[in-house]
Protein backbone atom coordinates (compact mmCIF):
# COMPACT_ATOMS: atom_id res chain seq x y z
CA MET A 1 -16.66 63.14 -2.95
CA SER A 2 -16.00 61.08 -6.05
CA LYS A 3 -18.59 59.05 -7.90
CA LYS A 4 -17.63 56.26 -10.27
CA HIS A 5 -20.12 55.52 -12.97
CA ARG A 6 -20.49 53.30 -15.97
CA ARG A 7 -24.15 53.39 -16.87
CA ARG A 8 -25.73 50.98 -19.33
CA ARG A 9 -28.04 52.23 -22.05
CA ARG A 10 -30.07 49.53 -23.66
CA SER A 11 -33.56 49.49 -25.17
CA TRP A 12 -34.08 53.22 -25.78
CA SER A 13 -30.74 53.64 -27.52
CA ARG A 14 -31.16 50.54 -29.65
CA THR A 15 -34.62 51.74 -30.71
CA LEU A 16 -33.45 55.24 -31.58
CA LEU A 17 -30.33 54.12 -33.40
CA LEU A 18 -32.20 51.53 -35.43
CA ALA A 19 -34.76 54.17 -36.36
CA VAL A 20 -32.02 56.53 -37.56
CA PHE A 21 -30.26 53.85 -39.59
CA THR A 22 -33.58 52.61 -41.01
CA ALA A 23 -34.39 56.11 -42.26
CA ALA A 24 -30.90 56.36 -43.74
CA ALA A 25 -31.26 53.04 -45.51
CA LEU A 26 -34.70 53.89 -46.90
CA TYR A 27 -33.49 57.26 -48.13
CA ALA A 28 -30.06 56.35 -49.42
CA GLY A 29 -30.76 52.83 -50.62
CA VAL A 30 -32.88 53.98 -53.54
CA HIS A 31 -30.11 56.26 -54.77
CA CYS A 32 -27.02 54.10 -54.64
CA LEU A 33 -25.57 50.63 -54.22
CA PHE A 34 -24.95 49.20 -50.78
CA ARG A 35 -21.15 49.35 -50.62
CA ALA A 36 -18.89 49.28 -47.57
CA PRO A 37 -17.49 52.78 -46.80
CA ASP A 38 -13.96 53.74 -47.74
CA LEU A 39 -11.81 54.70 -44.78
CA PRO A 40 -10.64 58.33 -44.58
CA ALA A 41 -7.06 58.69 -45.83
CA GLU A 42 -5.80 59.84 -42.40
CA ASP A 43 -6.93 56.52 -40.87
CA LEU A 44 -4.65 54.50 -43.13
CA LEU A 45 -0.96 53.82 -42.51
CA PRO A 46 1.07 55.75 -45.13
CA ALA A 47 2.56 53.56 -47.85
CA GLU A 48 6.12 54.67 -47.09
CA GLU A 49 5.76 53.54 -43.47
CA LEU A 50 4.48 50.18 -44.64
CA ASP A 51 7.50 49.90 -46.96
CA GLU A 52 9.90 50.79 -44.14
CA SER A 53 8.29 48.19 -41.88
CA ALA A 54 8.57 45.57 -44.61
CA ASP A 55 12.28 46.37 -45.03
CA VAL A 56 12.80 46.00 -41.28
CA GLN A 57 11.05 42.64 -41.37
CA GLN A 58 13.24 41.40 -44.22
CA VAL A 59 16.45 42.45 -42.48
CA SER A 60 15.69 41.45 -38.91
CA GLY A 61 13.06 38.79 -39.34
CA GLU A 62 10.96 40.60 -36.70
CA VAL A 63 7.29 41.39 -37.08
CA PRO A 64 6.99 45.07 -38.08
CA SER A 65 5.54 46.57 -34.91
CA LYS A 66 4.03 49.74 -36.35
CA SER A 67 2.23 48.24 -39.32
CA SER A 68 0.87 45.31 -37.32
CA HIS A 69 -0.25 47.56 -34.46
CA LEU A 70 -2.23 49.68 -36.94
CA GLU A 71 -3.69 46.88 -39.05
CA ARG A 72 -7.45 47.41 -39.39
CA ARG A 73 -10.12 44.79 -38.87
CA PRO A 74 -12.31 44.32 -41.95
CA TYR A 75 -15.68 46.11 -42.05
CA CYS A 76 -15.14 47.75 -38.66
CA TYR A 77 -15.75 51.50 -38.39
CA THR A 78 -16.11 54.22 -35.77
CA ILE A 79 -18.64 57.07 -35.93
CA LEU A 80 -18.78 60.03 -33.53
CA LEU A 81 -22.34 61.30 -32.97
CA SER A 82 -22.70 64.75 -31.41
CA GLY A 83 -25.67 66.88 -30.42
CA THR A 84 -24.86 70.57 -30.43
CA ASP A 85 -25.54 72.70 -27.36
CA ASP A 86 -28.05 75.45 -28.06
CA GLY A 87 -26.48 77.71 -25.45
CA ASN A 88 -22.75 78.12 -26.01
CA GLY A 89 -21.85 76.20 -29.16
CA ASN A 90 -20.34 73.21 -27.36
CA SER A 91 -21.61 69.68 -27.92
CA ASP A 92 -24.23 68.59 -25.42
CA THR A 93 -24.16 64.86 -26.21
CA ASN A 94 -21.31 62.75 -27.62
CA ILE A 95 -21.47 59.05 -28.46
CA LEU A 96 -18.70 57.07 -30.16
CA LEU A 97 -20.13 54.17 -32.15
CA SER A 98 -18.28 51.08 -33.27
CA VAL A 99 -19.95 49.30 -36.19
CA ASP A 100 -18.55 45.80 -36.62
CA GLY A 101 -19.90 44.54 -39.93
CA GLU A 102 -17.91 41.32 -39.82
CA ASN A 103 -19.22 40.18 -36.43
CA GLY A 104 -22.63 41.84 -36.75
CA SER A 105 -22.72 44.23 -33.80
CA ILE A 106 -22.97 47.93 -33.00
CA TYR A 107 -21.71 49.34 -29.73
CA GLY A 108 -22.00 52.96 -28.61
CA VAL A 109 -20.10 54.57 -25.77
CA SER A 110 -21.25 57.89 -24.37
CA ILE A 111 -18.48 60.37 -23.57
CA PRO A 112 -19.38 62.52 -20.52
CA ARG A 113 -19.40 66.18 -21.51
CA ASP A 114 -17.34 67.09 -18.42
CA THR A 115 -14.49 64.70 -19.27
CA LYS A 116 -11.17 66.51 -18.81
CA ALA A 117 -9.30 67.12 -22.08
CA ILE A 118 -6.67 69.36 -23.61
CA VAL A 119 -8.12 71.59 -26.32
CA HIS A 120 -5.73 73.90 -28.15
CA GLY A 121 -3.20 73.44 -25.36
CA LYS A 122 -5.60 74.35 -22.55
CA LYS A 123 -7.40 72.25 -19.95
CA GLN A 124 -11.06 72.06 -20.95
CA LYS A 125 -14.13 69.92 -20.67
CA ILE A 126 -14.18 67.70 -23.73
CA ASN A 127 -17.40 69.16 -25.14
CA ALA A 128 -15.57 72.50 -25.55
CA ALA A 129 -13.62 70.93 -28.42
CA PHE A 130 -16.76 71.05 -30.53
CA GLY A 131 -17.24 74.74 -29.81
CA ALA A 132 -13.60 75.43 -30.67
CA GLY A 133 -13.37 73.42 -33.88
CA GLY A 134 -16.55 71.53 -34.64
CA SER A 135 -16.79 67.79 -35.23
CA ALA A 136 -13.29 67.60 -36.70
CA LEU A 137 -11.54 68.92 -33.58
CA LEU A 138 -13.76 66.93 -31.23
CA ALA A 139 -12.98 63.78 -33.21
CA GLU A 140 -9.26 64.56 -32.97
CA VAL A 141 -9.43 64.99 -29.19
CA VAL A 142 -11.48 61.80 -28.72
CA SER A 143 -9.08 59.88 -30.94
CA GLU A 144 -6.05 61.07 -28.98
CA GLN A 145 -7.62 60.17 -25.64
CA LEU A 146 -8.82 56.70 -26.62
CA GLY A 147 -5.98 55.73 -28.94
CA ILE A 148 -8.22 54.80 -31.86
CA PRO A 149 -9.30 56.64 -35.01
CA VAL A 150 -12.65 58.35 -35.48
CA ASP A 151 -13.58 57.44 -39.04
CA PHE A 152 -16.75 59.49 -39.49
CA THR A 153 -18.67 62.24 -37.69
CA VAL A 154 -22.34 63.12 -37.42
CA SER A 155 -23.52 66.27 -35.65
CA VAL A 156 -27.16 67.10 -35.02
CA ASP A 157 -28.46 70.57 -34.26
CA LEU A 158 -30.78 70.36 -31.26
CA LYS A 159 -33.33 72.32 -33.28
CA GLY A 160 -33.61 69.17 -35.38
CA PHE A 161 -34.67 67.31 -32.24
CA GLN A 162 -37.32 69.96 -31.65
CA ALA A 163 -38.47 69.71 -35.28
CA LEU A 164 -38.80 65.92 -35.03
CA VAL A 165 -41.00 66.20 -31.92
CA GLU A 166 -43.20 68.70 -33.76
CA ALA A 167 -43.35 66.41 -36.81
CA ILE A 168 -44.78 63.53 -34.78
CA GLY A 169 -47.35 65.76 -33.06
CA GLY A 170 -45.66 66.02 -29.68
CA VAL A 171 -45.05 63.33 -27.08
CA ASP A 172 -46.81 62.24 -23.88
CA PHE A 173 -44.11 62.08 -21.23
CA GLU A 174 -43.80 61.56 -17.49
CA VAL A 175 -41.78 64.54 -16.22
CA PRO A 176 -39.72 62.99 -13.37
CA ILE A 177 -39.44 65.99 -11.01
CA ASN A 178 -40.70 69.54 -10.56
CA MET A 179 -38.63 71.85 -12.76
CA ASP A 180 -38.21 75.52 -11.91
CA TYR A 181 -35.28 77.21 -13.66
CA ASP A 182 -34.59 80.57 -15.30
CA ASP A 183 -31.59 81.74 -17.31
CA PRO A 184 -32.21 85.33 -18.56
CA VAL A 185 -28.95 85.30 -20.55
CA GLN A 186 -30.19 82.47 -22.78
CA ASP A 187 -33.82 83.53 -22.39
CA LEU A 188 -34.38 80.00 -21.11
CA HIS A 189 -37.25 79.45 -18.68
CA ILE A 190 -38.14 75.92 -17.59
CA HIS A 191 -41.26 75.45 -15.46
CA PHE A 192 -42.95 72.03 -15.33
CA SER A 193 -44.74 70.08 -12.62
CA LYS A 194 -43.87 66.45 -11.98
CA GLY A 195 -46.19 64.07 -13.77
CA MET A 196 -47.56 63.17 -17.20
CA GLN A 197 -47.39 66.01 -19.72
CA HIS A 198 -48.01 66.37 -23.45
CA LEU A 199 -44.88 68.14 -24.72
CA ASN A 200 -44.48 69.96 -27.99
CA GLY A 201 -41.06 70.50 -29.54
CA SER A 202 -40.16 73.64 -27.60
CA GLU A 203 -41.33 72.16 -24.29
CA ALA A 204 -39.45 68.92 -24.96
CA MET A 205 -36.23 70.85 -25.50
CA LYS A 206 -36.62 72.48 -22.10
CA VAL A 207 -37.30 69.21 -20.28
CA VAL A 208 -34.28 67.40 -21.73
CA ARG A 209 -31.98 70.40 -21.10
CA PHE A 210 -33.00 70.86 -17.46
CA ARG A 211 -30.17 70.27 -14.96
CA HIS A 212 -31.23 71.94 -11.66
CA ASN A 213 -33.70 74.40 -10.13
CA ASN A 214 -33.04 78.04 -9.32
CA ASP A 215 -32.41 77.10 -5.67
CA GLY A 216 -29.92 74.37 -6.58
CA THR A 217 -32.25 71.44 -5.97
CA GLY A 218 -33.19 68.99 -8.69
CA TYR A 219 -31.87 65.60 -9.70
CA GLY A 220 -29.19 65.54 -7.04
CA SER A 221 -26.66 64.46 -9.66
CA GLU A 222 -27.23 66.84 -12.54
CA ASP A 223 -25.83 65.06 -15.58
CA ILE A 224 -26.78 61.56 -14.47
CA GLY A 225 -30.36 62.58 -13.77
CA ARG A 226 -30.60 64.66 -16.92
CA MET A 227 -29.21 61.86 -19.08
CA GLN A 228 -31.77 59.43 -17.64
CA THR A 229 -34.56 61.85 -18.56
CA GLN A 230 -33.10 62.18 -22.06
CA GLN A 231 -32.98 58.40 -22.40
CA ASN A 232 -36.63 58.01 -21.41
CA PHE A 233 -37.76 60.84 -23.65
CA LEU A 234 -35.83 59.63 -26.69
CA LYS A 235 -37.38 56.22 -26.24
CA ALA A 236 -40.84 57.82 -26.34
CA VAL A 237 -39.91 59.84 -29.44
CA ALA A 238 -38.48 56.83 -31.26
CA LYS A 239 -41.53 54.72 -30.48
CA LYS A 240 -43.91 57.34 -31.84
CA ALA A 241 -41.73 58.10 -34.89
CA LEU A 242 -41.57 54.41 -35.82
CA ALA A 243 -45.35 54.23 -35.50
CA ASN A 244 -45.64 56.91 -38.20
CA PRO A 245 -43.67 55.52 -41.20
CA GLY A 246 -45.85 57.56 -43.54
CA LYS A 247 -43.89 60.63 -42.42
CA ILE A 248 -40.56 59.28 -43.69
CA ASN A 249 -40.24 62.12 -46.21
CA GLU A 250 -40.68 64.68 -43.43
CA TYR A 251 -38.06 62.89 -41.33
CA VAL A 252 -35.66 62.95 -44.28
CA LYS A 253 -36.13 66.71 -44.71
CA ILE A 254 -35.34 67.25 -41.03
CA PHE A 255 -32.24 65.06 -41.44
CA GLN A 256 -31.06 67.07 -44.44
CA LYS A 257 -31.61 70.42 -42.70
CA TYR A 258 -30.22 69.76 -39.25
CA VAL A 259 -27.62 67.00 -39.64
CA ASP A 260 -24.03 67.66 -40.67
CA THR A 261 -21.94 64.60 -41.57
CA ASN A 262 -19.02 63.43 -43.69
CA LEU A 263 -20.87 60.19 -44.45
CA SER A 264 -21.90 59.84 -48.08
CA LEU A 265 -25.30 58.52 -49.17
CA SER A 266 -23.62 55.24 -50.00
CA ASP A 267 -22.05 55.12 -46.52
CA MET A 268 -25.39 55.76 -44.84
CA ALA A 269 -27.08 53.12 -46.95
CA TRP A 270 -24.46 50.52 -45.97
CA PHE A 271 -24.65 51.35 -42.26
CA GLY A 272 -28.44 51.28 -42.43
CA GLN A 273 -28.41 47.89 -44.09
CA GLN A 274 -25.99 46.57 -41.47
CA ALA A 275 -28.12 47.82 -38.56
CA LEU A 276 -31.29 46.31 -39.99
CA SER A 277 -29.66 42.93 -40.59
CA MET A 278 -28.05 42.86 -37.12
CA GLY A 279 -31.27 43.43 -35.21
CA MET A 280 -31.77 45.41 -32.02
CA GLU A 281 -30.42 42.62 -29.81
CA ASN A 282 -26.95 43.26 -31.26
CA ILE A 283 -26.95 47.01 -30.60
CA ASP A 284 -25.79 48.05 -27.12
CA PHE A 285 -24.49 51.09 -25.23
CA ALA A 286 -22.46 52.10 -22.18
CA THR A 287 -20.70 55.18 -20.79
CA LEU A 288 -16.97 55.75 -20.46
CA PRO A 289 -16.01 54.93 -16.84
CA GLY A 290 -14.70 57.78 -14.74
CA GLU A 291 -14.77 59.69 -11.47
CA TRP A 292 -16.08 63.16 -10.80
CA HIS A 293 -13.71 65.65 -9.16
CA SER A 294 -15.09 69.14 -9.73
CA PRO A 295 -15.04 70.54 -12.31
CA TYR A 296 -14.05 67.51 -14.40
CA ILE A 297 -14.71 63.82 -14.88
CA TYR A 298 -11.44 61.87 -14.98
CA LEU A 299 -11.61 58.68 -17.02
CA ASP A 300 -10.39 55.53 -15.31
CA PRO A 301 -7.33 54.41 -17.36
CA GLU A 302 -7.63 50.68 -16.72
CA GLU A 303 -11.39 50.41 -17.20
CA THR A 304 -11.33 52.72 -20.21
CA LEU A 305 -8.62 50.65 -21.90
CA SER A 306 -10.62 47.49 -21.24
CA LEU A 307 -13.78 49.03 -22.73
CA VAL A 308 -11.89 50.31 -25.79
CA ASN A 309 -10.41 46.90 -26.54
CA GLU A 310 -13.62 45.03 -25.87
CA HIS A 311 -16.03 47.24 -27.80
CA LEU A 312 -14.46 50.11 -29.77
CA ASN A 313 -11.05 49.13 -31.14
CA PRO A 314 -11.09 48.86 -34.98
CA TYR A 315 -7.55 47.46 -35.04
CA VAL A 316 -6.54 43.81 -35.06
CA GLU A 317 -4.18 44.28 -32.11
CA ASP A 318 -5.36 45.40 -28.68
CA ARG A 319 -4.53 48.94 -27.64
CA THR A 320 -2.08 49.39 -24.79
CA ALA A 321 -1.92 51.92 -21.97
CA GLU A 322 0.68 53.83 -24.01
CA ASP A 323 -1.83 54.30 -26.85
CA LEU A 324 -4.27 56.20 -24.61
CA ASP A 325 -3.75 59.81 -23.62
CA LEU A 326 -6.08 60.40 -20.68
CA GLN A 327 -5.91 63.47 -18.47
CA THR A 328 -5.20 62.77 -14.82
CA ARG A 329 -5.22 65.07 -11.82
């Protein structure tokens, strides 16, 4: 039985993202000027191709299709955020952000971890790309599927999440269901009763990783239920972290230790400044639309193309169906 889903993620994600960018701005802003990031060289159309297109235009009078189709919008960037899976090295969470500095908006689209993809020539779930080649390979796969470049990457070790919860003194959280799960291979044992709990870092990790009980019961829809729990917990973490600005230096140390990114300090400062000036009402999230057919989620080509053009596309021209490379059954 297939299930189509396109879940909205609003207040918790805006709060968390603004907190991250605020910390980046506070940390990086004192070290460097606020300057718009330079695009990676691979995102730019090679000069010789631009020259060839110009020659074609002069001879035929036609608009050079390739150069115009790849013309970038000013101050518009994409950033792939990934949380690494503590169990097998794959990414557990992937969000592609579009930061539109010209129009003053940030939009993030979650990429389901079970999305079907081709990784090194083999059919895989898309999160396996991270395990096979880190952020760079995952970004390449995402770019091929969606037909747009991934300009920058940020990966966060889940131990950093645990460290942040410890830094703020734990979090009071309403555990949504009884959790009873054991995985001897990972030495992972999750046992919590439904209801309000005070969770330390280690306990928080277990709650947000829980998918189902030993007997197969649980959320009913593992990833959807788990992602809702993660949303609610991250909102609680962000709220408490923002209430403790005096710990900014501790947050920065956690960022330096557990975050891997190709963003420079100057880049982070600019993105932080943009997020603060935009305000939370201009930061929004959704999930790539698709259908579940075990063991994969298959992205809906028409809805995905519409979402890409509406919220993610950094190019002047709309993407077409031919630009996307989605895996179908």
